[in-house]
Each structure stands twice: as structure tokens, then as C-alpha cells.
Protein backbone atom coordinates (compact mmCIF):
# COMPACT_ATOMS: atom_id res chain seq x y z
CA UNK A 1 105.78 87.37 -33.68
CA UNK A 2 104.31 90.79 -34.05
CA UNK A 3 100.84 90.86 -32.46
CA UNK A 4 99.31 92.50 -35.49
CA UNK A 5 100.47 89.78 -37.86
CA UNK A 6 99.39 87.07 -35.44
CA UNK A 7 95.89 88.47 -35.39
CA UNK A 8 95.95 88.75 -39.19
CA UNK A 9 96.88 85.07 -39.56
CA UNK A 10 94.07 84.09 -37.15
CA UNK A 11 91.50 86.11 -39.06
CA UNK A 12 92.66 84.55 -42.30
CA UNK A 13 92.33 81.02 -40.83
CA UNK A 14 88.86 81.71 -39.54
CA UNK A 15 87.89 83.25 -42.91
CA UNK A 16 88.98 80.12 -44.81
CA UNK A 17 87.17 77.90 -42.41
CA UNK A 18 84.00 79.88 -42.67
CA UNK A 19 84.23 79.92 -46.41
CA UNK A 20 84.65 76.16 -46.43
CA UNK A 21 81.60 75.69 -44.20
CA UNK A 22 79.53 78.08 -46.37
CA UNK A 23 80.64 76.29 -49.53
CA UNK A 24 79.74 72.91 -47.97
CA UNK A 25 76.33 74.21 -46.87
CA UNK A 26 75.60 75.52 -50.36
CA UNK A 27 76.19 72.11 -51.91
CA UNK A 28 73.91 70.26 -49.45
CA UNK A 29 70.10 70.33 -48.92
CA UNK A 30 69.29 69.37 -45.38
CA UNK A 31 66.04 67.58 -44.37
CA UNK A 32 65.05 66.88 -40.78
CA UNK A 33 63.40 63.72 -39.42
CA UNK A 34 61.81 64.30 -36.03
CA UNK A 35 60.21 61.84 -33.57
CA UNK A 36 60.84 59.91 -30.33
CA UNK A 37 64.20 58.26 -31.11
CA UNK A 38 64.66 57.20 -27.47
CA UNK A 39 62.32 56.16 -24.66
CA UNK A 40 59.39 53.80 -24.63
CA UNK A 41 58.03 55.12 -27.96
CA UNK A 42 61.42 55.02 -29.73
CA UNK A 43 60.41 52.32 -32.20
CA UNK A 44 58.06 54.83 -33.83
CA UNK A 45 60.73 57.51 -34.14
CA UNK A 46 63.28 55.02 -35.50
CA UNK A 47 60.80 53.75 -37.98
CA UNK A 48 60.15 57.30 -39.13
CA UNK A 49 63.91 58.10 -39.42
CA UNK A 50 64.72 54.91 -41.26
CA UNK A 51 61.99 55.46 -43.92
CA UNK A 52 63.11 59.05 -44.47
CA UNK A 53 66.69 57.88 -44.68
CA UNK A 54 65.74 55.37 -47.34
CA UNK A 55 64.03 57.99 -49.48
CA UNK A 56 67.05 60.29 -49.12
CA UNK A 57 69.42 57.54 -50.10
CA UNK A 58 67.41 56.77 -53.23
CA UNK A 59 67.41 60.43 -54.27
CA UNK A 60 71.16 60.73 -53.63
CA UNK A 61 71.81 57.67 -55.75
CA UNK A 62 70.04 59.52 -58.62
CA UNK A 63 72.17 62.63 -58.14
CA UNK A 64 70.36 64.35 -55.35
CA UNK A 65 68.03 67.31 -55.74
CA UNK A 66 68.78 70.48 -57.74
CA UNK A 67 72.27 69.02 -58.30
CA UNK A 68 72.98 68.89 -54.59
CA UNK A 69 73.39 66.05 -52.13
CA UNK A 70 70.63 65.57 -49.51
CA UNK A 71 71.64 65.25 -45.90
CA UNK A 72 69.14 63.82 -43.37
CA UNK A 73 69.36 65.17 -39.81
CA UNK A 74 67.59 63.21 -37.06
CA UNK A 75 65.99 64.95 -34.10
CA UNK A 76 64.92 63.11 -30.93
CA UNK A 77 61.93 64.85 -29.33
CA UNK A 78 61.45 62.04 -26.78
CA UNK A 79 57.67 62.33 -27.26
CA UNK A 80 57.94 65.48 -25.15
CA UNK A 81 56.39 68.82 -26.34
CA UNK A 82 59.22 70.98 -24.81
CA UNK A 83 61.90 68.78 -26.39
CA UNK A 84 60.07 68.96 -29.71
CA UNK A 85 60.33 72.76 -29.66
CA UNK A 86 64.07 72.36 -28.88
CA UNK A 87 64.42 70.03 -31.88
CA UNK A 88 62.56 72.49 -34.09
CA UNK A 89 64.92 75.32 -33.08
CA UNK A 90 67.95 73.18 -33.64
CA UNK A 91 66.73 72.18 -37.11
CA UNK A 92 66.07 75.82 -37.98
CA UNK A 93 69.61 76.77 -36.86
CA UNK A 94 70.95 73.94 -39.02
CA UNK A 95 69.10 75.42 -42.00
CA UNK A 96 66.87 72.45 -42.82
CA UNK A 97 64.70 72.98 -45.89
CA UNK A 98 61.86 70.80 -44.57
CA UNK A 99 60.96 68.27 -41.87
CA UNK A 100 59.46 64.87 -41.80
CA UNK A 101 57.70 64.76 -38.45
CA UNK A 102 56.97 64.97 -35.74
CA UNK A 103 55.22 61.68 -34.72
CA UNK A 104 53.18 62.70 -31.65
CA UNK A 105 50.40 65.24 -31.92
CA UNK A 106 51.54 66.85 -28.68
CA UNK A 107 54.93 67.48 -30.29
CA UNK A 108 53.92 68.40 -33.81
CA UNK A 109 51.43 71.10 -32.77
CA UNK A 110 53.84 73.29 -30.73
CA UNK A 111 56.80 72.67 -33.07
CA UNK A 112 54.80 73.65 -36.13
CA UNK A 113 54.68 77.36 -35.14
CA UNK A 114 58.46 77.49 -35.08
CA UNK A 115 58.81 75.82 -38.50
CA UNK A 116 56.20 78.14 -40.05
CA UNK A 117 57.91 81.23 -38.66
CA UNK A 118 61.21 80.03 -40.19
CA UNK A 119 59.59 79.23 -43.51
CA UNK A 120 60.33 75.49 -43.14
CA UNK A 121 57.87 73.00 -44.67
CA UNK A 122 56.59 70.29 -42.33
CA UNK A 123 54.93 67.03 -43.26
CA UNK A 124 53.93 64.75 -40.39
CA UNK A 125 53.53 61.01 -41.13
CA UNK A 126 51.54 60.27 -37.95
CA UNK A 127 50.09 63.33 -36.25
CA UNK A 128 46.31 62.76 -36.19
CA UNK A 129 44.93 65.53 -33.92
CA UNK A 130 42.77 67.73 -36.18
CA UNK A 131 44.12 70.92 -34.56
CA UNK A 132 47.48 70.33 -36.26
CA UNK A 133 46.23 71.45 -39.69
CA UNK A 134 43.56 73.85 -38.46
CA UNK A 135 45.99 76.54 -37.32
CA UNK A 136 45.88 78.34 -40.70
CA UNK A 137 49.49 77.40 -41.55
CA UNK A 138 50.10 76.99 -45.30
CA UNK A 139 53.34 74.98 -45.00
CA UNK A 140 52.09 72.28 -42.58
CA UNK A 141 50.82 68.97 -43.99
CA UNK A 142 50.11 65.38 -42.88
CA UNK A 143 49.97 62.19 -44.93
CA UNK A 144 47.84 60.26 -42.34
CA UNK A 145 44.19 60.65 -41.33
CA UNK A 146 42.72 62.39 -38.35
CA UNK A 147 41.25 61.54 -34.99
CA UNK A 148 37.75 62.67 -35.85
CA UNK A 149 37.84 60.19 -38.79
CA UNK A 150 39.15 57.19 -36.83
CA UNK A 151 37.13 58.07 -33.71
CA UNK A 152 33.96 57.85 -35.75
CA UNK A 153 35.08 54.60 -37.36
CA UNK A 154 35.68 53.04 -33.93
CA UNK A 155 32.32 54.31 -32.60
CA UNK A 156 30.45 53.04 -35.64
CA UNK A 157 32.03 49.61 -35.16
CA UNK A 158 31.06 49.50 -31.50
CA UNK A 159 27.55 50.63 -32.14
CA UNK A 160 26.82 48.44 -35.17
CA UNK A 161 28.88 45.33 -34.45
CA UNK A 162 29.16 45.16 -30.68
CA UNK A 163 25.91 46.85 -29.67
CA UNK A 164 26.75 47.61 -26.03
CA UNK A 165 24.66 49.58 -23.60
CA UNK A 166 27.53 50.54 -21.27
CA UNK A 167 30.92 51.84 -22.43
CA UNK A 168 33.92 53.16 -20.50
CA UNK A 169 36.41 55.73 -22.00
CA UNK A 170 39.95 56.49 -20.82
CA UNK A 171 42.90 58.35 -22.32
CA UNK A 172 46.51 59.33 -21.61
CA UNK A 173 45.86 63.09 -21.22
CA UNK A 174 47.82 63.92 -24.34
CA UNK A 175 46.65 65.97 -27.37
CA UNK A 176 46.43 62.69 -29.29
CA UNK A 177 44.95 60.36 -26.68
CA UNK A 178 42.39 62.67 -25.14
CA UNK A 179 41.39 64.12 -28.48
CA UNK A 180 40.78 60.68 -29.95
CA UNK A 181 38.89 59.56 -26.87
CA UNK A 182 36.64 62.62 -27.07
CA UNK A 183 35.91 62.07 -30.77
CA UNK A 184 35.03 58.46 -30.04
CA UNK A 185 32.80 59.46 -27.17
CA UNK A 186 31.01 62.16 -29.23
CA UNK A 187 30.43 59.71 -32.16
CA UNK A 188 28.70 57.06 -30.10
CA UNK A 189 25.45 58.94 -30.21
CA UNK A 190 22.37 58.42 -28.00
CA UNK A 191 21.40 55.15 -26.48
CA UNK A 192 24.76 54.22 -25.04
CA UNK A 193 25.73 55.12 -21.46
CA UNK A 194 29.23 56.36 -20.80
CA UNK A 195 29.69 54.75 -17.37
CA UNK A 196 33.35 55.94 -16.87
CA UNK A 197 35.48 58.73 -18.28
CA UNK A 198 38.94 59.63 -16.99
CA UNK A 199 42.62 60.00 -17.85
CA UNK A 200 45.66 58.00 -16.83
CA UNK A 201 49.31 58.96 -16.34
CA UNK A 202 51.69 57.98 -19.12
CA UNK A 203 54.49 55.56 -18.09
CA UNK A 204 52.71 54.67 -14.76
CA UNK A 205 53.59 51.03 -14.18
CA UNK A 206 50.37 50.28 -12.32
CA UNK A 207 46.85 50.99 -13.72
CA UNK A 208 44.98 48.46 -11.56
CA UNK A 209 43.27 51.25 -9.53
CA UNK A 210 41.60 52.82 -12.55
CA UNK A 211 40.85 49.41 -14.10
CA UNK A 212 39.17 48.30 -10.88
CA UNK A 213 37.03 51.42 -10.98
CA UNK A 214 36.07 50.60 -14.53
CA UNK A 215 35.30 47.01 -13.65
CA UNK A 216 32.87 48.17 -10.98
CA UNK A 217 30.90 50.09 -13.64
CA UNK A 218 30.38 46.90 -15.64
CA UNK A 219 31.04 48.19 -19.17
CA UNK A 220 30.72 45.83 -22.09
CA UNK A 221 33.70 47.55 -23.92
CA UNK A 222 36.19 50.19 -23.01
CA UNK A 223 37.97 52.68 -25.26
CA UNK A 224 41.55 53.82 -24.77
CA UNK A 225 43.05 56.91 -26.39
CA UNK A 226 46.77 56.56 -26.18
CA UNK A 227 49.97 54.72 -27.27
CA UNK A 228 51.01 51.07 -27.22
CA UNK A 229 53.17 51.02 -24.02
CA UNK A 230 50.24 52.09 -21.84
CA UNK A 231 47.75 50.00 -23.87
CA UNK A 232 49.88 46.91 -23.38
CA UNK A 233 49.93 47.32 -19.58
CA UNK A 234 46.26 48.17 -19.44
CA UNK A 235 45.01 45.00 -21.16
CA UNK A 236 47.50 42.84 -19.28
CA UNK A 237 46.50 44.30 -15.86
CA UNK A 238 42.82 44.16 -16.85
CA UNK A 239 43.12 40.42 -17.37
CA UNK A 240 44.84 40.13 -13.99
CA UNK A 241 41.94 41.81 -12.11
CA UNK A 242 39.26 39.94 -14.03
CA UNK A 243 38.03 42.80 -16.29
CA UNK A 244 36.81 40.89 -19.33
CA UNK A 245 35.43 43.75 -21.43
CA UNK A 246 37.51 44.15 -24.65
CA UNK A 247 39.49 47.27 -25.41
CA UNK A 248 39.07 49.26 -28.61
CA UNK A 249 41.74 51.81 -29.36
CA UNK A 250 43.42 53.86 -32.05
CA UNK A 251 46.36 53.92 -34.37
CA UNK A 252 48.89 54.65 -31.64
CA UNK A 253 48.56 51.10 -30.49
CA UNK A 254 48.89 49.44 -33.91
CA UNK A 255 52.33 47.92 -33.48
CA UNK A 256 53.73 44.45 -32.69
CA UNK A 257 55.34 45.96 -29.59
CA UNK A 258 51.83 46.28 -28.07
CA UNK A 259 51.32 42.51 -28.41
CA UNK A 260 54.79 41.84 -26.91
CA UNK A 261 53.99 43.98 -23.89
CA UNK A 262 50.46 42.63 -23.43
CA UNK A 263 51.23 38.99 -24.14
CA UNK A 264 48.16 36.72 -24.35
CA UNK A 265 45.98 39.50 -22.93
CA UNK A 266 46.30 41.32 -26.28
CA UNK A 267 43.91 38.82 -27.85
CA UNK A 268 40.64 40.39 -28.89
CA UNK A 269 41.86 43.97 -28.70
CA UNK A 270 40.37 46.15 -31.50
CA UNK A 271 42.37 48.91 -33.19
CA UNK A 272 41.66 51.45 -35.82
CA UNK A 273 44.42 51.95 -38.42
CA UNK A 274 44.89 52.35 -42.18
CA UNK A 275 44.65 49.50 -44.66
CA UNK A 276 47.42 47.00 -45.02
CA UNK A 277 49.87 48.27 -47.66
CA UNK A 278 51.14 44.74 -48.33
CA UNK A 279 48.68 44.19 -51.15
CA UNK A 280 49.45 47.45 -52.90
CA UNK A 281 51.55 47.32 -56.00
CA UNK A 282 52.80 50.78 -55.33
CA UNK A 283 54.18 49.68 -51.94
CA UNK A 284 55.98 46.51 -53.07
CA UNK A 285 59.34 48.16 -53.93
CA UNK A 286 59.41 50.20 -50.74
CA UNK A 287 58.59 47.27 -48.47
CA UNK A 288 61.27 45.14 -50.13
CA UNK A 289 64.00 47.79 -49.84
CA UNK A 290 63.04 48.69 -46.33
CA UNK A 291 63.08 45.02 -45.19
CA UNK A 292 66.49 44.43 -46.80
CA UNK A 293 68.02 47.42 -45.01
CA UNK A 294 66.18 47.69 -41.67
CA UNK A 295 63.92 44.66 -41.23
CA UNK A 296 60.18 44.70 -41.23
CA UNK A 297 58.63 48.10 -41.81
CA UNK A 298 56.70 49.68 -38.95
CA UNK A 299 53.14 50.94 -39.14
CA UNK A 300 54.11 54.47 -40.09
CA UNK A 301 57.29 53.70 -42.07
CA UNK A 302 55.47 53.95 -45.42
CA UNK A 303 53.88 57.26 -44.36
CA UNK A 304 57.30 58.73 -43.47
CA UNK A 305 58.74 57.46 -46.75
CA UNK A 306 55.98 59.12 -48.74
CA UNK A 307 56.33 62.37 -46.71
CA UNK A 308 60.06 62.52 -47.47
CA UNK A 309 59.46 61.83 -51.22
CA UNK A 310 56.77 64.49 -51.38
CA UNK A 311 59.16 67.03 -49.90
CA UNK A 312 62.12 66.17 -52.22
CA UNK A 313 59.86 66.03 -55.27
CA UNK A 314 58.45 69.44 -54.44
CA UNK A 315 61.87 71.00 -53.99
CA UNK A 316 63.04 69.51 -57.31
CA UNK A 317 59.98 70.63 -59.26
CA UNK A 318 59.68 74.07 -57.56
CA UNK A 319 63.38 74.58 -58.34
CA UNK A 320 64.05 76.00 -54.91
CA UNK A 321 64.17 75.21 -51.17
CA UNK A 322 62.12 78.33 -50.36
CA UNK A 323 59.41 77.06 -48.04
CA UNK A 324 56.59 79.20 -49.42
CA UNK A 325 57.18 77.98 -52.96
CA UNK A 326 57.73 74.35 -51.92
CA UNK A 327 54.48 74.42 -49.84
CA UNK A 328 52.54 75.96 -52.70
CA UNK A 329 53.71 73.17 -55.06
CA UNK A 330 52.71 70.49 -52.50
CA UNK A 331 49.30 71.94 -51.99
CA UNK A 332 48.47 71.97 -55.73
CA UNK A 333 49.97 68.59 -56.73
CA UNK A 334 48.87 65.00 -56.68
CA UNK A 335 51.75 62.66 -55.82
CA UNK A 336 52.15 58.95 -56.52
CA UNK A 337 53.41 57.50 -53.32
CA UNK A 338 54.17 54.02 -52.04
CA UNK A 339 50.73 54.18 -50.35
CA UNK A 340 49.02 55.24 -53.55
CA UNK A 341 47.88 58.66 -54.82
CA UNK A 342 48.29 61.48 -52.31
CA UNK A 343 46.86 64.98 -52.58
CA UNK A 344 45.97 67.59 -49.98
CA UNK A 345 43.00 69.81 -49.19
CA UNK A 346 43.14 73.45 -48.25
CA UNK A 347 44.12 72.61 -44.71
CA UNK A 348 47.03 70.29 -45.61
CA UNK A 349 45.08 67.12 -44.89
CA UNK A 350 45.14 64.17 -47.27
CA UNK A 351 41.99 64.02 -49.41
CA UNK A 352 41.70 60.29 -48.89
CA UNK A 353 42.52 58.64 -45.53
CA UNK A 354 40.62 55.37 -45.08
CA UNK A 355 40.66 53.78 -41.67
CA UNK A 356 39.67 50.19 -40.98
CA UNK A 357 39.27 48.10 -37.75
CA UNK A 358 41.89 45.51 -36.85
CA UNK A 359 41.70 42.83 -34.22
CA UNK A 360 44.50 40.93 -32.39
CA UNK A 361 44.01 37.25 -33.14
CA UNK A 362 46.56 34.51 -32.53
CA UNK A 363 49.17 37.10 -31.76
CA UNK A 364 48.74 39.12 -34.99
CA UNK A 365 46.68 42.08 -36.19
CA UNK A 366 43.94 40.88 -38.52
CA UNK A 367 41.76 43.26 -40.53
CA UNK A 368 38.12 42.70 -39.54
CA UNK A 369 36.41 45.74 -41.19
């Protein structure tokens, strides 16, 4: 075959393929769901993805958004900041309109800059570090509360209900864990001695050294800023060395997996988290559908579901996937979510984020305040 005609045929084939891809992309609106899909925090990422997937499926059943099908793309950041940036860049190259995520503060904060520069709206269901929404970004939101809020709730509970004189504070050295621990420490106020303050290494199998150092300081309670895998090992190993002071910790520990890891040593652990959505009429339909498709909803499933619905509602009502216009609609609108009414302040934080204190009793989380 003549080389000229051969090249002509190849160009024609590539042109048809490119046209087909472009046509397909134009008929689809892509949404990202980002979190730790693998590793020891994978349950949280999978909960996030499942909830976003459920919201997308419901919208597609109704005809999609702006007459187009919605496609959900999952990104595994492995709870690692560098991997989160990689996921963000991948989503941007895949032309996502918005992202539900990330889960960890240490991932959401660095990834947010990339999404903002690409005009991609981002709503995190679980990032609680205040710095996330204090960067001046107009297209970054969260549907959960913040560490300064829950740190104060935990400190108030300790001061008013437990009334200790000696308190130890540890954290996992992450943006979430250390930030939460510092807010707790700051909120204790005068009259309480911080007898120990230090960080631990995530995924270390043995914390007995630091726990022994804490035990020697004789605290009446110790605070941990971190996630459930480390919390589970901490309370179990504390029991093994005879450290009897109870742990109080934050929302990153509120999951049944913590109790599985810790076993009987989980009893008495105090955790700050949002109110139970089980009694909310607005959450009934979501909880039923989620359970039927995936099993019991995780702690942040309902937050991810609301985040996805806010994004899709905003695209539909704004009449565009343009990030600036979608973000502007979100910032000015009150949404009716599965967790109730949701609206945002000038920073992108929810106007109402109530935290309560939970306690592990008989192998379950029970609301105590």
C-alpha cells in the first residue's frame, strides 16, 4: 500500500476514535470520590465511596444531571498526603466536575490547592482540621465540624464531668491528630496539669514504651488525637501494662473497627462525634437504602452522601459544571440533606455542627452527652 494512503487511513482512524471519546465525555458528568480505599483506614474510604455511589445511582435513575449520566470515579489516597496530590492530579486530568473527599485532613489540605487551581469544587465529608477552610479558597467546603469545636467539647467534658488534676496528651503527628490534641490541650484551661505531651508513630505495632512513660506520670485521663487503628492498639496495650486511666479521643476513632481491635479494653473509652442520625426522619431513607446495598452505614457515610447530593444539586440548579458558578450556588444555598438542613458560612464550614460525647459500653458506642 502507498505510504501516503496508509498514513491517511491511520489519521482517519485516530480521528474517529478521538471524536468518539469526546462525544462520550460530553455526555457524562464525572464526580470523584477520594479517600483511603486500601490500608488500615480503608473502611473509611470505602464508606465514603459507597455513599457517593449511592447518591450518583439515585440521580442516574432520575435521568442524571443536565440531561447527562453521572460517572463516579474512585481515588485511593491511602491516607498519604503525596498520594492524595497524585489522586487530585489524576481526577483533574479525567475532567471531574467536583470531588467528594478527601477523608484525612493531611490529604485534603494539600490536595485542595490543586482542585482550586483546576476550578474543581471539593466537599470533604470528614476533614476536621480548621486550616482546610481557612486558606481563602471559595470552592472548598466541608459538611462535618472542626477540631477546635470537638476539642473544646472533649475538654469541657473532662473538666466538668471527670474533674482531673493530671492529664496526659498524645497524638499521631498528623494534621488531624496533632491539631485535635492541641485544641483539646488549649481548651482545658488553668487548674489542670498536662503531665505528658508527645506524638506516636502511625502503624507502629508497639506503643508500650510511650504508655509506660505516661503511666509513670499518673494521669487520671489521657487524650489521643488520631485514628482508630492506633487508638485500638493504645487502649489494649495500656490495659496490658496496667495503665487504668481512661482514654478520651476524637471522631477518627468512632467506628466499630476500633472496638474490634481493642477488644474488652475498649470499654470506657470516650469519643467525640456527631449525633446519631438513626433518630432523624431525614436519614431514614438513606440508612435503609445503604444497608440494603452495602450493609450498615459507617460513621461518615451519611456525610459523604450529603456531600455528593449537594454537588449534584448545585450543578443541576446552576445549569453548569463550571466550578466557580457551582461553588457560588453552594455558598448561598441551604440544602436539605439526610443529616438535616445544611448551609455554609463564608469559609465553607457548615453553620451547624453539633458534637456530642460517646462512651464504649458493652461493646457499643453509647451517647453520654
